[in-house]
Amino acid sequence: MVVQVFIMNGAVDKSKSVGIILGYRRSKANQYTNQVLIKVLESPSGIAGFIGASVVARDVHGNVYRGKVIRVHSRKKSVVVVRFRRNIPGQLIRSFVEIKKR
């Protein structure tokens, strides 16, 4: 697995993180295609600090999908719920996203 490290002027940028799209938020009968579960590749101790963070997902065609972290889904596993402005396509599941804290 390749994880991007964001570097600014020789130092690691702590305001940006990387996550993986796990899938749409869903229930037994419904699937919410504008909300996805994202696993944050960072320690689970500060996962609540990601609420309100901006998320950017890009596909192979150059389309950019922007969203915002709305709540924590799992504290132990570092999973958050993100609401996107436009629904993301299913091809973006299991792809990397950039998370920028406020």
Protein backbone atom coordinates (compact mmCIF):
# COMPACT_ATOMS: atom_id res chain seq x y z
CA MET A 1 0.00 0.00 0.00
CA VAL A 2 1.33 3.44 -0.93
CA VAL A 3 0.58 6.33 1.41
CA GLN A 4 1.31 9.91 0.43
CA VAL A 5 3.24 12.10 2.84
CA PHE A 6 2.57 15.81 2.56
CA ILE A 7 5.77 17.83 3.01
CA MET A 8 6.02 21.62 3.22
CA ASN A 9 9.45 23.27 3.42
CA GLY A 10 11.12 20.08 4.66
CA ALA A 11 8.60 19.41 7.45
CA VAL A 12 5.61 17.08 7.50
CA ASP A 13 2.32 18.98 7.12
CA LYS A 14 0.18 17.87 10.08
CA SER A 15 -2.94 19.64 8.81
CA LYS A 16 -3.33 17.08 6.00
CA SER A 17 -3.98 13.35 6.29
CA VAL A 18 -4.78 10.48 3.97
CA GLY A 19 -7.81 8.19 4.08
CA ILE A 20 -9.35 5.28 2.17
CA ILE A 21 -12.97 5.22 0.98
CA LEU A 22 -14.57 2.07 2.43
CA GLY A 23 -18.03 2.38 0.89
CA TYR A 24 -21.34 4.17 1.00
CA ARG A 25 -23.17 4.69 4.29
CA ARG A 26 -26.07 2.27 4.16
CA SER A 27 -28.67 0.37 6.09
CA LYS A 28 -30.62 -2.77 5.37
CA ALA A 29 -32.92 -1.09 2.84
CA ASN A 30 -31.24 2.22 1.92
CA GLN A 31 -27.93 3.37 0.51
CA TYR A 32 -26.87 7.00 0.89
CA THR A 33 -24.63 7.65 -2.11
CA ASN A 34 -23.63 11.17 -1.06
CA GLN A 35 -22.29 9.89 2.29
CA VAL A 36 -19.33 7.53 2.51
CA LEU A 37 -17.30 5.86 5.24
CA ILE A 38 -13.61 6.78 5.19
CA LYS A 39 -10.85 5.12 7.21
CA VAL A 40 -8.36 7.75 8.34
CA LEU A 41 -4.77 6.46 8.17
CA GLU A 42 -3.78 8.05 11.45
CA SER A 43 -3.86 7.04 15.11
CA PRO A 44 -7.40 6.71 16.48
CA SER A 45 -6.67 8.91 19.52
CA GLY A 46 -7.45 12.22 17.78
CA ILE A 47 -10.18 11.06 15.43
CA ALA A 48 -12.78 13.49 16.87
CA GLY A 49 -10.59 16.37 15.68
CA PHE A 50 -11.46 15.52 12.08
CA ILE A 51 -15.10 16.66 12.40
CA GLY A 52 -15.57 19.58 10.00
CA ALA A 53 -12.45 18.71 7.99
CA SER A 54 -12.49 19.07 4.19
CA VAL A 55 -12.09 15.96 2.03
CA VAL A 56 -10.97 15.87 -1.61
CA ALA A 57 -11.34 12.77 -3.82
CA ARG A 58 -10.08 12.60 -7.41
CA ASP A 59 -10.84 10.02 -10.08
CA VAL A 60 -8.75 8.93 -13.08
CA HIS A 61 -10.60 11.36 -15.38
CA GLY A 62 -9.57 14.38 -13.34
CA ASN A 63 -12.95 15.00 -11.69
CA VAL A 64 -12.70 16.43 -8.19
CA TYR A 65 -15.24 15.54 -5.49
CA ARG A 66 -15.28 17.71 -2.35
CA GLY A 67 -16.88 16.84 0.95
CA LYS A 68 -16.84 17.43 4.67
CA VAL A 69 -16.50 15.12 7.68
CA ILE A 70 -19.85 15.18 9.48
CA ARG A 71 -19.32 12.66 12.30
CA VAL A 72 -17.25 9.81 13.68
CA HIS A 73 -18.45 6.32 12.78
CA SER A 74 -15.92 4.22 14.74
CA ARG A 75 -13.41 5.62 17.22
CA LYS A 76 -11.41 2.41 17.60
CA LYS A 77 -10.97 1.87 13.86
CA SER A 78 -10.57 5.55 12.84
CA VAL A 79 -13.62 5.61 10.54
CA VAL A 80 -15.54 8.82 9.82
CA VAL A 81 -18.66 9.67 7.81
CA VAL A 82 -18.14 12.19 5.00
CA ARG A 83 -20.90 13.98 3.08
CA PHE A 84 -19.95 14.91 -0.48
CA ARG A 85 -21.54 17.74 -2.47
CA ARG A 86 -21.91 15.48 -5.50
CA ASN A 87 -22.42 11.75 -5.22
CA ILE A 88 -19.16 9.91 -5.75
CA PRO A 89 -19.06 7.10 -8.33
CA GLY A 90 -18.67 3.53 -7.18
CA GLN A 91 -15.30 3.30 -8.93
CA LEU A 92 -13.81 5.54 -6.21
CA ILE A 93 -14.43 2.97 -3.47
CA ARG A 94 -11.07 1.71 -2.09
CA SER A 95 -9.25 4.79 -3.41
CA PHE A 96 -7.22 7.32 -1.43
CA VAL A 97 -8.55 10.74 -0.42
CA GLU A 98 -6.91 13.83 1.04
CA ILE A 99 -8.26 15.10 4.37
CA LYS A 100 -7.43 18.67 5.41
CA LYS A 101 -8.17 19.72 8.98
CA ARG A 102 -9.51 23.20 9.69
